[in-house]
PDB file of N, CA and C in Angstrom:
ATOM      1  N   MET A   1      -9.946 -12.634  12.629  1.00  0.00           N
ATOM      2  CA  MET A   1      -8.674 -12.702  13.319  1.00  0.00           C
ATOM      3  C   MET A   1      -7.687 -11.765  12.637  1.00  0.00           C
ATOM      4  N   LEU A   2      -6.990 -10.940  13.415  1.00  0.00           N
ATOM      5  CA  LEU A   2      -5.996 -10.015  12.875  1.00  0.00           C
ATOM      6  C   LEU A   2      -4.670 -10.730  12.665  1.00  0.00           C
ATOM      7  N   ARG A   3      -4.030 -10.445  11.530  1.00  0.00           N
ATOM      8  CA  ARG A   3      -2.686 -10.937  11.239  1.00  0.00           C
ATOM      9  C   ARG A   3      -1.814  -9.692  11.173  1.00  0.00           C
ATOM     10  N   LEU A   4      -1.169  -9.337  12.272  1.00  0.00           N
ATOM     11  CA  LEU A   4      -0.453  -8.072  12.397  1.00  0.00           C
ATOM     12  C   LEU A   4       0.936  -8.142  11.792  1.00  0.00           C
ATOM     13  N   ARG A   5       1.390  -6.989  11.273  1.00  0.00           N
ATOM     14  CA  ARG A   5       2.745  -6.834  10.757  1.00  0.00           C
ATOM     15  C   ARG A   5       3.167  -5.389  10.936  1.00  0.00           C
ATOM     16  N   ILE A   6       4.459  -5.137  10.883  1.00  0.00           N
ATOM     17  CA  ILE A   6       4.991  -3.781  10.967  1.00  0.00           C
ATOM     18  C   ILE A   6       5.259  -3.307   9.552  1.00  0.00           C
ATOM     19  N   GLN A   7       4.844  -2.074   9.256  1.00  0.00           N
ATOM     20  CA  GLN A   7       4.966  -1.526   7.911  1.00  0.00           C
ATOM     21  C   GLN A   7       5.467  -0.090   7.994  1.00  0.00           C
ATOM     22  N   VAL A   8       6.249   0.352   7.006  1.00  0.00           N
ATOM     23  CA  VAL A   8       6.670   1.742   6.914  1.00  0.00           C
ATOM     24  C   VAL A   8       5.631   2.476   6.079  1.00  0.00           C
ATOM     25  N   ILE A   9       5.045   3.530   6.635  1.00  0.00           N
ATOM     26  CA  ILE A   9       4.059   4.334   5.909  1.00  0.00           C
ATOM     27  C   ILE A   9       4.678   5.690   5.598  1.00  0.00           C
ATOM     28  N   GLY A  10       4.155   6.376   4.619  1.00  0.00           N
ATOM     29  CA  GLY A  10       4.759   7.634   4.215  1.00  0.00           C
ATOM     30  C   GLY A  10       3.840   8.834   4.250  1.00  0.00           C
ATOM     31  N   CYS A  11       2.665   8.703   4.774  1.00  0.00           N
ATOM     32  CA  CYS A  11       1.728   9.823   4.728  1.00  0.00           C
ATOM     33  C   CYS A  11       1.179  10.096   6.110  1.00  0.00           C
ATOM     34  N   PRO A  12       1.166  11.248   6.627  1.00  0.00           N
ATOM     35  CA  PRO A  12       1.747  12.498   6.149  1.00  0.00           C
ATOM     36  C   PRO A  12       3.256  12.582   6.385  1.00  0.00           C
ATOM     37  N   ARG A  13       3.791  11.714   7.249  1.00  0.00           N
ATOM     38  CA  ARG A  13       5.222  11.671   7.509  1.00  0.00           C
ATOM     39  C   ARG A  13       5.614  10.206   7.652  1.00  0.00           C
ATOM     40  N   ARG A  14       6.844   9.859   7.227  1.00  0.00           N
ATOM     41  CA  ARG A  14       7.296   8.466   7.334  1.00  0.00           C
ATOM     42  C   ARG A  14       7.262   8.017   8.784  1.00  0.00           C
ATOM     43  N   ALA A  15       6.695   6.821   8.990  1.00  0.00           N
ATOM     44  CA  ALA A  15       6.578   6.283  10.343  1.00  0.00           C
ATOM     45  C   ALA A  15       6.449   4.765  10.269  1.00  0.00           C
ATOM     46  N   LEU A  16       6.684   4.115  11.397  1.00  0.00           N
ATOM     47  CA  LEU A  16       6.426   2.690  11.524  1.00  0.00           C
ATOM     48  C   LEU A  16       5.005   2.530  12.040  1.00  0.00           C
ATOM     49  N   ALA A  17       4.263   1.604  11.452  1.00  0.00           N
ATOM     50  CA  ALA A  17       2.873   1.397  11.847  1.00  0.00           C
ATOM     51  C   ALA A  17       2.595  -0.090  11.975  1.00  0.00           C
ATOM     52  N   LEU A  18       1.666  -0.410  12.826  1.00  0.00           N
ATOM     53  CA  LEU A  18       1.183  -1.765  12.991  1.00  0.00           C
ATOM     54  C   LEU A  18      -0.086  -1.899  12.167  1.00  0.00           C
ATOM     55  N   THR A  19      -0.105  -2.823  11.203  1.00  0.00           N
ATOM     56  CA  THR A  19      -1.234  -2.954  10.284  1.00  0.00           C
ATOM     57  C   THR A  19      -1.721  -4.401  10.232  1.00  0.00           C
ATOM     58  N   ASP A  20      -2.892  -4.563   9.680  1.00  0.00           N
ATOM     59  CA  ASP A  20      -3.472  -5.883   9.471  1.00  0.00           C
ATOM     60  C   ASP A  20      -3.001  -6.411   8.110  1.00  0.00           C
ATOM     61  N   THR A  21      -2.854  -7.717   7.985  1.00  0.00           N
ATOM     62  CA  THR A  21      -2.440  -8.362   6.745  1.00  0.00           C
ATOM     63  C   THR A  21      -3.591  -9.209   6.207  1.00  0.00           C
ATOM     64  N   PRO A  22      -3.870  -9.158   4.901  1.00  0.00           N
ATOM     65  CA  PRO A  22      -4.921 -10.020   4.349  1.00  0.00           C
ATOM     66  C   PRO A  22      -4.571 -11.499   4.516  1.00  0.00           C
ATOM     67  N   ARG A  23      -5.584 -12.330   4.606  1.00  0.00           N
ATOM     68  CA  ARG A  23      -5.375 -13.766   4.733  1.00  0.00           C
ATOM     69  C   ARG A  23      -4.847 -14.304   3.396  1.00  0.00           C
ATOM     70  N   PRO A  24      -3.671 -14.953   3.364  1.00  0.00           N
ATOM     71  CA  PRO A  24      -3.077 -15.369   2.090  1.00  0.00           C
ATOM     72  C   PRO A  24      -3.861 -16.457   1.351  1.00  0.00           C
ATOM     73  N   ASP A  25      -4.677 -17.238   2.043  1.00  0.00           N
ATOM     74  CA  ASP A  25      -5.427 -18.307   1.378  1.00  0.00           C
ATOM     75  C   ASP A  25      -6.897 -17.944   1.159  1.00  0.00           C
ATOM     76  N   CYS A  26      -7.208 -16.661   1.120  1.00  0.00           N
ATOM     77  CA  CYS A  26      -8.590 -16.214   0.925  1.00  0.00           C
ATOM     78  C   CYS A  26      -9.047 -16.541  -0.504  1.00  0.00           C
ATOM     79  N   PRO A  27     -10.183 -17.224  -0.676  1.00  0.00           N
ATOM     80  CA  PRO A  27     -10.646 -17.575  -2.024  1.00  0.00           C
ATOM     81  C   PRO A  27     -11.229 -16.384  -2.795  1.00  0.00           C
ATOM     82  N   GLU A  28     -11.626 -15.325  -2.105  1.00  0.00           N
ATOM     83  CA  GLU A  28     -12.225 -14.180  -2.799  1.00  0.00           C
ATOM     84  C   GLU A  28     -11.181 -13.235  -3.384  1.00  0.00           C
ATOM     85  N   CYS A  29     -10.153 -12.878  -2.593  1.00  0.00           N
ATOM     86  CA  CYS A  29      -9.181 -11.874  -3.059  1.00  0.00           C
ATOM     87  C   CYS A  29      -7.806 -12.467  -3.358  1.00  0.00           C
ATOM     88  N   GLN A  30      -7.597 -13.760  -3.147  1.00  0.00           N
ATOM     89  CA  GLN A  30      -6.320 -14.446  -3.353  1.00  0.00           C
ATOM     90  C   GLN A  30      -5.180 -13.809  -2.555  1.00  0.00           C
ATOM     91  N   GLY A  31      -5.487 -13.257  -1.377  1.00  0.00           N
ATOM     92  CA  GLY A  31      -4.472 -12.689  -0.499  1.00  0.00           C
ATOM     93  C   GLY A  31      -4.104 -11.253  -0.782  1.00  0.00           C
ATOM     94  N   VAL A  32      -4.786 -10.589  -1.691  1.00  0.00           N
ATOM     95  CA  VAL A  32      -4.484  -9.201  -2.024  1.00  0.00           C
ATOM     96  C   VAL A  32      -5.120  -8.236  -1.026  1.00  0.00           C
ATOM     97  N   GLY A  33      -6.285  -8.562  -0.506  1.00  0.00           N
ATOM     98  CA  GLY A  33      -6.956  -7.706   0.461  1.00  0.00           C
ATOM     99  C   GLY A  33      -8.162  -6.991  -0.085  1.00  0.00           C
ATOM    100  N   GLY A  34      -8.382  -7.099  -1.376  1.00  0.00           N
ATOM    101  CA  GLY A  34      -9.532  -6.443  -1.986  1.00  0.00           C
ATOM    102  C   GLY A  34      -9.647  -6.775  -3.453  1.00  0.00           C
ATOM    103  N   ILE A  35     -10.734  -6.306  -4.023  1.00  0.00           N
ATOM    104  CA  ILE A  35     -11.008  -6.576  -5.428  1.00  0.00           C
ATOM    105  C   ILE A  35     -11.222  -5.245  -6.136  1.00  0.00           C
ATOM    106  N   ALA A  36     -10.508  -5.020  -7.232  1.00  0.00           N
ATOM    107  CA  ALA A  36     -10.658  -3.794  -8.009  1.00  0.00           C
ATOM    108  C   ALA A  36     -11.703  -4.012  -9.094  1.00  0.00           C
ATOM    109  N   HIS A  37     -12.628  -3.077  -9.205  1.00  0.00           N
ATOM    110  CA  HIS A  37     -13.656  -3.110 -10.241  1.00  0.00           C
ATOM    111  C   HIS A  37     -13.400  -1.939 -11.188  1.00  0.00           C
ATOM    112  N   ASP A  38     -12.930  -2.246 -12.390  1.00  0.00           N
ATOM    113  CA  ASP A  38     -12.665  -1.198 -13.381  1.00  0.00           C
ATOM    114  C   ASP A  38     -13.981  -0.689 -13.968  1.00  0.00           C
ATOM    115  N   TYR A  39     -13.987   0.583 -14.335  1.00  0.00           N
ATOM    116  CA  TYR A  39     -15.157   1.147 -14.997  1.00  0.00           C
ATOM    117  C   TYR A  39     -14.701   2.105 -16.091  1.00  0.00           C
ATOM    118  N   GLY A  40     -15.567   2.306 -17.067  1.00  0.00           N
ATOM    119  CA  GLY A  40     -15.231   3.128 -18.219  1.00  0.00           C
ATOM    120  C   GLY A  40     -16.092   4.369 -18.317  1.00  0.00           C
ATOM    121  N   HIS A  41     -15.694   5.259 -19.201  1.00  0.00           N
ATOM    122  CA  HIS A  41     -16.444   6.483 -19.477  1.00  0.00           C
ATOM    123  C   HIS A  41     -17.781   6.100 -20.098  1.00  0.00           C
ATOM    124  N   PRO A  42     -18.889   6.730 -19.667  1.00  0.00           N
ATOM    125  CA  PRO A  42     -20.203   6.326 -20.170  1.00  0.00           C
ATOM    126  C   PRO A  42     -20.370   6.489 -21.688  1.00  0.00           C
ATOM    127  N   ASP A  43     -19.706   7.476 -22.290  1.00  0.00           N
ATOM    128  CA  ASP A  43     -19.891   7.720 -23.721  1.00  0.00           C
ATOM    129  C   ASP A  43     -18.855   7.007 -24.581  1.00  0.00           C
ATOM    130  N   THR A  44     -17.592   7.118 -24.207  1.00  0.00           N
ATOM    131  CA  THR A  44     -16.522   6.576 -25.051  1.00  0.00           C
ATOM    132  C   THR A  44     -16.138   5.148 -24.687  1.00  0.00           C
ATOM    133  N   GLY A  45     -16.382   4.726 -23.467  1.00  0.00           N
ATOM    134  CA  GLY A  45     -16.022   3.382 -23.043  1.00  0.00           C
ATOM    135  C   GLY A  45     -14.571   3.223 -22.653  1.00  0.00           C
ATOM    136  N   GLU A  46     -13.781   4.323 -22.699  1.00  0.00           N
ATOM    137  CA  GLU A  46     -12.385   4.245 -22.304  1.00  0.00           C
ATOM    138  C   GLU A  46     -12.282   4.077 -20.796  1.00  0.00           C
ATOM    139  N   TRP A  47     -11.159   3.479 -20.346  1.00  0.00           N
ATOM    140  CA  TRP A  47     -10.956   3.252 -18.927  1.00  0.00           C
ATOM    141  C   TRP A  47     -10.948   4.576 -18.195  1.00  0.00           C
ATOM    142  N   TRP A  48     -11.730   4.662 -17.116  1.00  0.00           N
ATOM    143  CA  TRP A  48     -11.872   5.906 -16.385  1.00  0.00           C
ATOM    144  C   TRP A  48     -11.368   5.801 -14.963  1.00  0.00           C
ATOM    145  N   GLY A  49     -11.200   4.599 -14.463  1.00  0.00           N
ATOM    146  CA  GLY A  49     -10.711   4.406 -13.101  1.00  0.00           C
ATOM    147  C   GLY A  49     -11.097   3.048 -12.565  1.00  0.00           C
ATOM    148  N   ALA A  50     -10.955   2.917 -11.257  1.00  0.00           N
ATOM    149  CA  ALA A  50     -11.290   1.650 -10.608  1.00  0.00           C
ATOM    150  C   ALA A  50     -11.829   1.929  -9.211  1.00  0.00           C
ATOM    151  N   ASN A  51     -12.830   1.179  -8.828  1.00  0.00           N
ATOM    152  CA  ASN A  51     -13.327   1.193  -7.460  1.00  0.00           C
ATOM    153  C   ASN A  51     -12.716   0.009  -6.748  1.00  0.00           C
ATOM    154  N   TYR A  52     -12.264   0.222  -5.528  1.00  0.00           N
ATOM    155  CA  TYR A  52     -11.610  -0.829  -4.762  1.00  0.00           C
ATOM    156  C   TYR A  52     -12.546  -1.276  -3.645  1.00  0.00           C
ATOM    157  N   GLU A  53     -12.909  -2.534  -3.659  1.00  0.00           N
ATOM    158  CA  GLU A  53     -13.787  -3.103  -2.651  1.00  0.00           C
ATOM    159  C   GLU A  53     -12.949  -3.971  -1.709  1.00  0.00           C
ATOM    160  N   SER A  54     -12.922  -3.615  -0.427  1.00  0.00           N
ATOM    161  CA  SER A  54     -12.138  -4.370   0.547  1.00  0.00           C
ATOM    162  C   SER A  54     -12.757  -5.734   0.794  1.00  0.00           C
ATOM    163  N   CYS A  55     -11.909  -6.724   0.991  1.00  0.00           N
ATOM    164  CA  CYS A  55     -12.362  -8.081   1.268  1.00  0.00           C
ATOM    165  C   CYS A  55     -12.666  -8.210   2.761  1.00  0.00           C
ATOM    166  N   ALA A  56     -13.502  -9.171   3.111  1.00  0.00           N
ATOM    167  CA  ALA A  56     -13.867  -9.389   4.510  1.00  0.00           C
ATOM    168  C   ALA A  56     -12.719  -9.991   5.316  1.00  0.00           C
ATOM    169  N   CYS A  57     -11.698 -10.539   4.661  1.00  0.00           N
ATOM    170  CA  CYS A  57     -10.575 -11.146   5.380  1.00  0.00           C
ATOM    171  C   CYS A  57      -9.564 -10.104   5.848  1.00  0.00           C
ATOM    172  N   TRP A  58      -9.767  -8.840   5.528  1.00  0.00           N
ATOM    173  CA  TRP A  58      -8.787  -7.803   5.814  1.00  0.00           C
ATOM    174  C   TRP A  58      -9.489  -6.532   6.233  1.00  0.00           C
ATOM    175  N   THR A  59      -8.906  -5.813   7.177  1.00  0.00           N
ATOM    176  CA  THR A  59      -9.407  -4.497   7.567  1.00  0.00           C
ATOM    177  C   THR A  59      -8.315  -3.475   7.314  1.00  0.00           C
ATOM    178  N   ALA A  60      -8.689  -2.264   7.046  1.00  0.00           N
ATOM    179  CA  ALA A  60      -7.718  -1.196   6.803  1.00  0.00           C
ATOM    180  C   ALA A  60      -7.276  -0.566   8.115  1.00  0.00           C
ATOM    181  N   TRP A  61      -7.231  -1.357   9.153  1.00  0.00           N
ATOM    182  CA  TRP A  61      -6.856  -0.906  10.477  1.00  0.00           C
ATOM    183  C   TRP A  61      -5.361  -0.622  10.509  1.00  0.00           C
ATOM    184  N   ARG A  62      -4.958   0.513  11.139  1.00  0.00           N
ATOM    185  CA  ARG A  62      -3.539   0.864  11.225  1.00  0.00           C
ATOM    186  C   ARG A  62      -3.306   1.677  12.485  1.00  0.00           C
ATOM    187  N   LEU A  63      -2.228   1.400  13.185  1.00  0.00           N
ATOM    188  CA  LEU A  63      -1.854   2.108  14.395  1.00  0.00           C
ATOM    189  C   LEU A  63      -0.420   2.582  14.230  1.00  0.00           C
ATOM    190  N   THR A  64      -0.208   3.892  14.259  1.00  0.00           N
ATOM    191  CA  THR A  64       1.139   4.443  14.114  1.00  0.00           C
ATOM    192  C   THR A  64       1.910   4.216  15.403  1.00  0.00           C
ATOM    193  N   LEU A  65       3.080   3.598  15.281  1.00  0.00           N
ATOM    194  CA  LEU A  65       3.897   3.276  16.444  1.00  0.00           C
ATOM    195  C   LEU A  65       4.976   4.299  16.710  1.00  0.00           C
ATOM    196  N   LEU A  66       5.737   4.659  15.659  1.00  0.00           N
ATOM    197  CA  LEU A  66       6.914   5.493  15.855  1.00  0.00           C
ATOM    198  C   LEU A  66       7.175   6.338  14.616  1.00  0.00           C
ATOM    199  N   PRO A  67       7.134   7.681  14.728  1.00  0.00           N
ATOM    200  CA  PRO A  67       7.520   8.510  13.582  1.00  0.00           C
ATOM    201  C   PRO A  67       9.023   8.371  13.317  1.00  0.00           C
ATOM    202  N   LEU A  68       9.398   8.306  12.065  1.00  0.00           N
ATOM    203  CA  LEU A  68      10.811   8.194  11.698  1.00  0.00           C
ATOM    204  C   LEU A  68      11.398   9.582  11.495  1.00  0.00           C
ATOM    205  N   PRO A  69      12.673   9.801  11.864  1.00  0.00           N
ATOM    206  CA  PRO A  69      13.280  11.120  11.682  1.00  0.00           C
ATOM    207  C   PRO A  69      13.443  11.456  10.202  1.00  0.00           C
ATOM    208  N   HIS A  70      13.492  12.750   9.914  1.00  0.00           N
ATOM    209  CA  HIS A  70      13.603  13.199   8.522  1.00  0.00           C
ATOM    210  C   HIS A  70      14.922  12.788   7.874  1.00  0.00           C
ATOM    211  N   TRP A  71      15.986  12.688   8.658  1.00  0.00           N
ATOM    212  CA  TRP A  71      17.280  12.363   8.079  1.00  0.00           C
ATOM    213  C   TRP A  71      17.402  10.890   7.726  1.00  0.00           C
ATOM    214  N   LEU A  72      16.480  10.051   8.180  1.00  0.00           N
ATOM    215  CA  LEU A  72      16.515   8.626   7.863  1.00  0.00           C
ATOM    216  C   LEU A  72      15.693   8.384   6.605  1.00  0.00           C
ATOM    217  N   ARG A  73      16.355   8.182   5.499  1.00  0.00           N
ATOM    218  CA  ARG A  73      15.662   7.963   4.229  1.00  0.00           C
ATOM    219  C   ARG A  73      16.366   6.883   3.443  1.00  0.00           C
ATOM    220  N   ARG A  74      15.664   6.329   2.469  1.00  0.00           N
ATOM    221  CA  ARG A  74      16.227   5.240   1.662  1.00  0.00           C
ATOM    222  C   ARG A  74      17.086   5.753   0.518  1.00  0.00           C
ATOM    223  N   THR A  75      16.700   6.835  -0.104  1.00  0.00           N
ATOM    224  CA  THR A  75      17.437   7.347  -1.254  1.00  0.00           C
ATOM    225  C   THR A  75      18.288   8.537  -0.844  1.00  0.00           C
ATOM    226  N   PRO A  76      19.440   8.726  -1.475  1.00  0.00           N
ATOM    227  CA  PRO A  76      20.253   9.903  -1.181  1.00  0.00           C
ATOM    228  C   PRO A  76      19.512  11.179  -1.607  1.00  0.00           C
ATOM    229  N   PRO A  77      19.880  12.342  -1.051  1.00  0.00           N
ATOM    230  CA  PRO A  77      19.158  13.588  -1.342  1.00  0.00           C
ATOM    231  C   PRO A  77      19.078  13.933  -2.834  1.00  0.00           C
ATOM    232  N   GLY A  78      20.118  13.660  -3.596  1.00  0.00           N
ATOM    233  CA  GLY A  78      20.094  13.974  -5.026  1.00  0.00           C
ATOM    234  C   GLY A  78      19.527  12.859  -5.877  1.00  0.00           C
ATOM    235  N   GLY A  79      19.142  11.760  -5.269  1.00  0.00           N
ATOM    236  CA  GLY A  79      18.654  10.598  -6.021  1.00  0.00           C
ATOM    237  C   GLY A  79      19.821   9.687  -6.383  1.00  0.00           C
ATOM    238  N   TYR A  80      19.500   8.586  -6.983  1.00  0.00           N
ATOM    239  CA  TYR A  80      20.531   7.633  -7.394  1.00  0.00           C
ATOM    240  C   TYR A  80      21.109   8.045  -8.737  1.00  0.00           C
ATOM    241  N   SER A  81      22.394   7.766  -8.928  1.00  0.00           N
ATOM    242  CA  SER A  81      23.071   8.067 -10.179  1.00  0.00           C
ATOM    243  C   SER A  81      22.942   6.875 -11.133  1.00  0.00           C
ATOM    244  N   ASN A  82      22.833   7.175 -12.421  1.00  0.00           N
ATOM    245  CA  ASN A  82      22.821   6.098 -13.411  1.00  0.00           C
ATOM    246  C   ASN A  82      24.179   5.953 -14.073  1.00  0.00           C
ATOM    247  N   GLU A  83      25.214   6.610 -13.513  1.00  0.00           N
ATOM    248  CA  GLU A  83      26.574   6.514 -14.028  1.00  0.00           C
ATOM    249  C   GLU A  83      27.215   5.209 -13.547  1.00  0.00           C
ATOM    250  N   PRO A  84      28.053   4.578 -14.371  1.00  0.00           N
ATOM    251  CA  PRO A  84      28.747   3.377 -13.927  1.00  0.00           C
ATOM    252  C   PRO A  84      29.764   3.723 -12.833  1.00  0.00           C
ATOM    253  N   PRO A  85      30.098   2.772 -11.944  1.00  0.00           N
ATOM    254  CA  PRO A  85      30.986   3.078 -10.821  1.00  0.00           C
ATOM    255  C   PRO A  85      32.453   3.206 -11.196  1.00  0.00           C
ATOM    256  N   PHE A  86      32.830   2.995 -12.434  1.00  0.00           N
ATOM    257  CA  PHE A  86      34.242   3.092 -12.816  1.00  0.00           C
ATOM    258  C   PHE A  86      34.516   4.305 -13.656  1.00  0.00           C
TER     259      PHE A  86
END
């Protein structure tokens, strides 16, 4: 069963999309939608990355509904200031 929601995506251009939501009471992924399996370098054993295995309660299904205009953005063009307002 699909649990649909509207989400803002940013690749390749910001748009509104209809996506599936993982089941929040799933015993396998605890509502995250997948399980990450970390792996290390064969010789040194240092962390080398992670493989992401999708859970059966969620699909990576997505349908783009509406592209957002370029002038509509969350942050100002120069970024946020860390100066106090006074």
